[in-house]
PDB file of N, CA and C in Angstrom:
ATOM      1  N   UNK A   1     124.926 187.259 -76.428  1.00  0.00           N
ATOM      2  CA  UNK A   1     124.731 185.953 -77.020  1.00  0.00           C
ATOM      3  C   UNK A   1     125.692 184.947 -76.396  1.00  0.00           C
ATOM      4  N   UNK A   2     126.906 185.336 -76.132  1.00  0.00           N
ATOM      5  CA  UNK A   2     127.858 184.437 -75.499  1.00  0.00           C
ATOM      6  C   UNK A   2     127.405 184.056 -74.107  1.00  0.00           C
ATOM      7  N   UNK A   3     126.730 184.971 -73.431  1.00  0.00           N
ATOM      8  CA  UNK A   3     126.219 184.675 -72.101  1.00  0.00           C
ATOM      9  C   UNK A   3     125.221 183.528 -72.153  1.00  0.00           C
ATOM     10  N   UNK A   4     124.364 183.524 -73.181  1.00  0.00           N
ATOM     11  CA  UNK A   4     123.371 182.456 -73.325  1.00  0.00           C
ATOM     12  C   UNK A   4     124.049 181.121 -73.527  1.00  0.00           C
ATOM     13  N   UNK A   5     125.065 181.101 -74.378  1.00  0.00           N
ATOM     14  CA  UNK A   5     125.784 179.845 -74.616  1.00  0.00           C
ATOM     15  C   UNK A   5     126.485 179.376 -73.345  1.00  0.00           C
ATOM     16  N   UNK A   6     127.018 180.296 -72.591  1.00  0.00           N
ATOM     17  CA  UNK A   6     127.678 179.961 -71.335  1.00  0.00           C
ATOM     18  C   UNK A   6     126.681 179.380 -70.344  1.00  0.00           C
ATOM     19  N   UNK A   7     125.509 179.986 -70.258  1.00  0.00           N
ATOM     20  CA  UNK A   7     124.461 179.492 -69.354  1.00  0.00           C
ATOM     21  C   UNK A   7     124.032 178.095 -69.778  1.00  0.00           C
ATOM     22  N   UNK A   8     123.840 177.886 -71.082  1.00  0.00           N
ATOM     23  CA  UNK A   8     123.441 176.567 -71.572  1.00  0.00           C
ATOM     24  C   UNK A   8     124.485 175.518 -71.212  1.00  0.00           C
ATOM     25  N   UNK A   9     125.744 175.871 -71.411  1.00  0.00           N
ATOM     26  CA  UNK A   9     126.816 174.930 -71.102  1.00  0.00           C
ATOM     27  C   UNK A   9     126.781 174.563 -69.620  1.00  0.00           C
ATOM     28  N   UNK A  10     126.582 175.549 -68.757  1.00  0.00           N
ATOM     29  CA  UNK A  10     126.520 175.295 -67.321  1.00  0.00           C
ATOM     30  C   UNK A  10     125.327 174.424 -66.958  1.00  0.00           C
ATOM     31  N   UNK A  11     124.185 174.674 -67.589  1.00  0.00           N
ATOM     32  CA  UNK A  11     122.986 173.878 -67.305  1.00  0.00           C
ATOM     33  C   UNK A  11     123.206 172.435 -67.741  1.00  0.00           C
ATOM     34  N   UNK A  12     123.782 172.256 -68.915  1.00  0.00           N
ATOM     35  CA  UNK A  12     124.020 170.907 -69.419  1.00  0.00           C
ATOM     36  C   UNK A  12     124.964 170.147 -68.494  1.00  0.00           C
ATOM     37  N   UNK A  13     125.942 170.857 -67.933  1.00  0.00           N
ATOM     38  CA  UNK A  13     126.882 170.202 -67.023  1.00  0.00           C
ATOM     39  C   UNK A  13     126.208 169.842 -65.698  1.00  0.00           C
ATOM     40  N   UNK A  14     125.249 170.642 -65.251  1.00  0.00           N
ATOM     41  CA  UNK A  14     124.602 170.405 -63.953  1.00  0.00           C
ATOM     42  C   UNK A  14     123.443 169.419 -64.035  1.00  0.00           C
ATOM     43  N   UNK A  15     122.701 169.449 -65.135  1.00  0.00           N
ATOM     44  CA  UNK A  15     121.503 168.623 -65.264  1.00  0.00           C
ATOM     45  C   UNK A  15     121.725 167.636 -66.400  1.00  0.00           C
ATOM     46  N   UNK A  16     121.428 166.375 -66.203  1.00  0.00           N
ATOM     47  CA  UNK A  16     121.593 165.404 -67.284  1.00  0.00           C
ATOM     48  C   UNK A  16     120.812 165.833 -68.528  1.00  0.00           C
ATOM     49  N   UNK A  17     121.427 165.688 -69.688  1.00  0.00           N
ATOM     50  CA  UNK A  17     120.811 166.146 -70.935  1.00  0.00           C
ATOM     51  C   UNK A  17     119.509 165.431 -71.254  1.00  0.00           C
ATOM     52  N   UNK A  18     119.328 164.227 -70.740  1.00  0.00           N
ATOM     53  CA  UNK A  18     118.104 163.509 -71.044  1.00  0.00           C
ATOM     54  C   UNK A  18     116.966 163.906 -70.099  1.00  0.00           C
ATOM     55  N   UNK A  19     117.236 164.803 -69.207  1.00  0.00           N
ATOM     56  CA  UNK A  19     116.229 165.272 -68.272  1.00  0.00           C
ATOM     57  C   UNK A  19     115.206 166.145 -69.000  1.00  0.00           C
ATOM     58  N   UNK A  20     113.920 165.812 -68.896  1.00  0.00           N
ATOM     59  CA  UNK A  20     112.887 166.652 -69.527  1.00  0.00           C
ATOM     60  C   UNK A  20     112.936 168.093 -69.011  1.00  0.00           C
ATOM     61  N   UNK A  21     113.286 168.267 -67.740  1.00  0.00           N
ATOM     62  CA  UNK A  21     113.388 169.610 -67.184  1.00  0.00           C
ATOM     63  C   UNK A  21     114.475 170.406 -67.891  1.00  0.00           C
ATOM     64  N   UNK A  22     115.626 169.792 -68.095  1.00  0.00           N
ATOM     65  CA  UNK A  22     116.742 170.479 -68.757  1.00  0.00           C
ATOM     66  C   UNK A  22     116.360 170.853 -70.182  1.00  0.00           C
ATOM     67  N   UNK A  23     115.713 169.942 -70.890  1.00  0.00           N
ATOM     68  CA  UNK A  23     115.303 170.225 -72.262  1.00  0.00           C
ATOM     69  C   UNK A  23     114.311 171.372 -72.307  1.00  0.00           C
ATOM     70  N   UNK A  24     113.335 171.373 -71.407  1.00  0.00           N
ATOM     71  CA  UNK A  24     112.340 172.442 -71.362  1.00  0.00           C
ATOM     72  C   UNK A  24     112.996 173.769 -71.008  1.00  0.00           C
ATOM     73  N   UNK A  25     113.921 173.737 -70.073  1.00  0.00           N
ATOM     74  CA  UNK A  25     114.601 174.959 -69.647  1.00  0.00           C
ATOM     75  C   UNK A  25     115.453 175.534 -70.780  1.00  0.00           C
ATOM     76  N   UNK A  26     116.164 174.665 -71.482  1.00  0.00           N
ATOM     77  CA  UNK A  26     116.984 175.130 -72.600  1.00  0.00           C
ATOM     78  C   UNK A  26     116.117 175.692 -73.723  1.00  0.00           C
ATOM     79  N   UNK A  27     114.966 175.072 -73.948  1.00  0.00           N
ATOM     80  CA  UNK A  27     114.035 175.573 -74.964  1.00  0.00           C
ATOM     81  C   UNK A  27     113.556 176.972 -74.569  1.00  0.00           C
ATOM     82  N   UNK A  28     113.244 177.153 -73.296  1.00  0.00           N
ATOM     83  CA  UNK A  28     112.803 178.457 -72.819  1.00  0.00           C
ATOM     84  C   UNK A  28     113.918 179.495 -72.978  1.00  0.00           C
ATOM     85  N   UNK A  29     115.159 179.103 -72.704  1.00  0.00           N
ATOM     86  CA  UNK A  29     116.285 180.020 -72.902  1.00  0.00           C
ATOM     87  C   UNK A  29     116.410 180.443 -74.359  1.00  0.00           C
ATOM     88  N   UNK A  30     116.205 179.490 -75.280  1.00  0.00           N
ATOM     89  CA  UNK A  30     116.256 179.811 -76.704  1.00  0.00           C
ATOM     90  C   UNK A  30     115.180 180.829 -77.065  1.00  0.00           C
ATOM     91  N   UNK A  31     113.970 180.623 -76.548  1.00  0.00           N
ATOM     92  CA  UNK A  31     112.871 181.548 -76.827  1.00  0.00           C
ATOM     93  C   UNK A  31     113.181 182.936 -76.279  1.00  0.00           C
ATOM     94  N   UNK A  32     113.724 182.994 -75.085  1.00  0.00           N
ATOM     95  CA  UNK A  32     114.064 184.282 -74.486  1.00  0.00           C
ATOM     96  C   UNK A  32     115.169 184.974 -75.282  1.00  0.00           C
ATOM     97  N   UNK A  33     116.101 184.191 -75.800  1.00  0.00           N
ATOM     98  CA  UNK A  33     117.190 184.752 -76.592  1.00  0.00           C
ATOM     99  C   UNK A  33     116.650 185.384 -77.871  1.00  0.00           C
ATOM    100  N   UNK A  34     115.722 184.698 -78.530  1.00  0.00           N
ATOM    101  CA  UNK A  34     115.119 185.223 -79.756  1.00  0.00           C
ATOM    102  C   UNK A  34     114.350 186.503 -79.445  1.00  0.00           C
ATOM    103  N   UNK A  35     113.599 186.498 -78.351  1.00  0.00           N
ATOM    104  CA  UNK A  35     112.849 187.684 -77.951  1.00  0.00           C
ATOM    105  C   UNK A  35     113.789 188.843 -77.658  1.00  0.00           C
ATOM    106  N   UNK A  36     114.879 188.581 -76.950  1.00  0.00           N
ATOM    107  CA  UNK A  36     115.835 189.641 -76.620  1.00  0.00           C
ATOM    108  C   UNK A  36     116.477 190.203 -77.886  1.00  0.00           C
ATOM    109  N   UNK A  37     116.748 189.343 -78.864  1.00  0.00           N
ATOM    110  CA  UNK A  37     117.324 189.818 -80.125  1.00  0.00           C
ATOM    111  C   UNK A  37     116.338 190.733 -80.845  1.00  0.00           C
ATOM    112  N   UNK A  38     115.048 190.396 -80.822  1.00  0.00           N
ATOM    113  CA  UNK A  38     114.030 191.229 -81.454  1.00  0.00           C
ATOM    114  C   UNK A  38     113.922 192.583 -80.749  1.00  0.00           C
ATOM    115  N   UNK A  39     113.980 192.561 -79.433  1.00  0.00           N
ATOM    116  CA  UNK A  39     113.936 193.807 -78.666  1.00  0.00           C
ATOM    117  C   UNK A  39     115.153 194.671 -78.993  1.00  0.00           C
ATOM    118  N   UNK A  40     116.328 194.060 -79.018  1.00  0.00           N
ATOM    119  CA  UNK A  40     117.555 194.791 -79.341  1.00  0.00           C
ATOM    120  C   UNK A  40     117.490 195.391 -80.750  1.00  0.00           C
ATOM    121  N   UNK A  41     116.931 194.636 -81.700  1.00  0.00           N
ATOM    122  CA  UNK A  41     116.799 195.145 -83.069  1.00  0.00           C
ATOM    123  C   UNK A  41     115.838 196.330 -83.100  1.00  0.00           C
ATOM    124  N   UNK A  42     114.752 196.253 -82.347  1.00  0.00           N
ATOM    125  CA  UNK A  42     113.799 197.362 -82.291  1.00  0.00           C
ATOM    126  C   UNK A  42     114.419 198.607 -81.678  1.00  0.00           C
ATOM    127  N   UNK A  43     115.192 198.428 -80.637  1.00  0.00           N
ATOM    128  CA  UNK A  43     115.868 199.565 -80.004  1.00  0.00           C
ATOM    129  C   UNK A  43     116.886 200.186 -80.963  1.00  0.00           C
ATOM    130  N   UNK A  44     117.610 199.344 -81.683  1.00  0.00           N
ATOM    131  CA  UNK A  44     118.590 199.844 -82.655  1.00  0.00           C
ATOM    132  C   UNK A  44     117.885 200.632 -83.762  1.00  0.00           C
ATOM    133  N   UNK A  45     116.738 200.125 -84.232  1.00  0.00           N
ATOM    134  CA  UNK A  45     115.963 200.852 -85.242  1.00  0.00           C
ATOM    135  C   UNK A  45     115.511 202.208 -84.710  1.00  0.00           C
ATOM    136  N   UNK A  46     115.008 202.225 -83.486  1.00  0.00           N
ATOM    137  CA  UNK A  46     114.554 203.485 -82.889  1.00  0.00           C
ATOM    138  C   UNK A  46     115.718 204.456 -82.733  1.00  0.00           C
ATOM    139  N   UNK A  47     116.854 203.963 -82.284  1.00  0.00           N
ATOM    140  CA  UNK A  47     118.035 204.822 -82.132  1.00  0.00           C
ATOM    141  C   UNK A  47     118.496 205.393 -83.471  1.00  0.00           C
ATOM    142  N   UNK A  48     118.289 204.619 -84.543  1.00  0.00           N
ATOM    143  CA  UNK A  48     118.702 205.063 -85.874  1.00  0.00           C
ATOM    144  C   UNK A  48     117.635 205.940 -86.533  1.00  0.00           C
ATOM    145  N   UNK A  49     116.512 206.146 -85.836  1.00  0.00           N
ATOM    146  CA  UNK A  49     115.465 207.004 -86.377  1.00  0.00           C
ATOM    147  C   UNK A  49     114.471 206.294 -87.268  1.00  0.00           C
ATOM    148  N   UNK A  50     114.538 204.978 -87.331  1.00  0.00           N
ATOM    149  CA  UNK A  50     113.596 204.215 -88.152  1.00  0.00           C
ATOM    150  C   UNK A  50     112.373 203.880 -87.292  1.00  0.00           C
ATOM    151  N   UNK A  51     111.449 204.831 -87.259  1.00  0.00           N
ATOM    152  CA  UNK A  51     110.260 204.698 -86.428  1.00  0.00           C
ATOM    153  C   UNK A  51     109.016 204.677 -87.303  1.00  0.00           C
ATOM    154  N   UNK A  52     107.941 204.129 -86.766  1.00  0.00           N
ATOM    155  CA  UNK A  52     106.650 204.113 -87.445  1.00  0.00           C
ATOM    156  C   UNK A  52     105.759 205.120 -86.742  1.00  0.00           C
ATOM    157  N   UNK A  53     105.070 205.933 -87.535  1.00  0.00           N
ATOM    158  CA  UNK A  53     104.218 206.959 -86.940  1.00  0.00           C
ATOM    159  C   UNK A  53     103.030 206.314 -86.231  1.00  0.00           C
ATOM    160  N   UNK A  54     102.516 207.017 -85.243  1.00  0.00           N
ATOM    161  CA  UNK A  54     101.363 206.533 -84.494  1.00  0.00           C
ATOM    162  C   UNK A  54     100.157 206.372 -85.418  1.00  0.00           C
ATOM    163  N   UNK A  55      99.993 207.262 -86.361  1.00  0.00           N
ATOM    164  CA  UNK A  55      98.866 207.177 -87.301  1.00  0.00           C
ATOM    165  C   UNK A  55      98.937 205.891 -88.127  1.00  0.00           C
ATOM    166  N   UNK A  56     100.131 205.517 -88.551  1.00  0.00           N
ATOM    167  CA  UNK A  56     100.302 204.274 -89.318  1.00  0.00           C
ATOM    168  C   UNK A  56      99.958 203.058 -88.466  1.00  0.00           C
ATOM    169  N   UNK A  57     100.399 203.058 -87.236  1.00  0.00           N
ATOM    170  CA  UNK A  57     100.114 201.939 -86.328  1.00  0.00           C
ATOM    171  C   UNK A  57      98.608 201.846 -86.061  1.00  0.00           C
ATOM    172  N   UNK A  58      97.972 202.984 -85.787  1.00  0.00           N
ATOM    173  CA  UNK A  58      96.524 202.990 -85.537  1.00  0.00           C
ATOM    174  C   UNK A  58      95.762 202.491 -86.768  1.00  0.00           C
ATOM    175  N   UNK A  59      96.165 202.920 -87.943  1.00  0.00           N
ATOM    176  CA  UNK A  59      95.499 202.484 -89.174  1.00  0.00           C
ATOM    177  C   UNK A  59      95.623 200.980 -89.361  1.00  0.00           C
ATOM    178  N   UNK A  60      96.780 200.458 -89.061  1.00  0.00           N
ATOM    179  CA  UNK A  60      96.983 199.010 -89.190  1.00  0.00           C
ATOM    180  C   UNK A  60      96.075 198.250 -88.252  1.00  0.00           C
ATOM    181  N   UNK A  61      96.009 198.702 -86.993  1.00  0.00           N
ATOM    182  CA  UNK A  61      95.206 197.994 -85.982  1.00  0.00           C
ATOM    183  C   UNK A  61      93.705 198.142 -86.215  1.00  0.00           C
ATOM    184  N   UNK A  62      93.283 199.297 -86.673  1.00  0.00           N
ATOM    185  CA  UNK A  62      91.841 199.489 -86.893  1.00  0.00           C
ATOM    186  C   UNK A  62      91.358 198.792 -88.158  1.00  0.00           C
ATOM    187  N   UNK A  63      92.275 198.450 -89.062  1.00  0.00           N
ATOM    188  CA  UNK A  63      91.891 197.750 -90.276  1.00  0.00           C
ATOM    189  C   UNK A  63      91.714 196.253 -90.080  1.00  0.00           C
ATOM    190  N   UNK A  64      92.048 195.770 -88.913  1.00  0.00           N
ATOM    191  CA  UNK A  64      91.934 194.323 -88.651  1.00  0.00           C
ATOM    192  C   UNK A  64      90.530 193.915 -88.373  1.00  0.00           C
TER     193      UNK A  64
END
């Protein structure tokens, strides 16, 4: 997480904050950070043994 803040700080220093490119890039970084946090949480759950059975997943998807 600190790496993301460091990258943002560097981008803000290099690109003017009012630049649409900088705003779009920072927004994309935020989205990637949220995605990475979700992935990390899923890996932590799997490591802790909190898994969902394949049958449960199949039942959920076939019920849609």
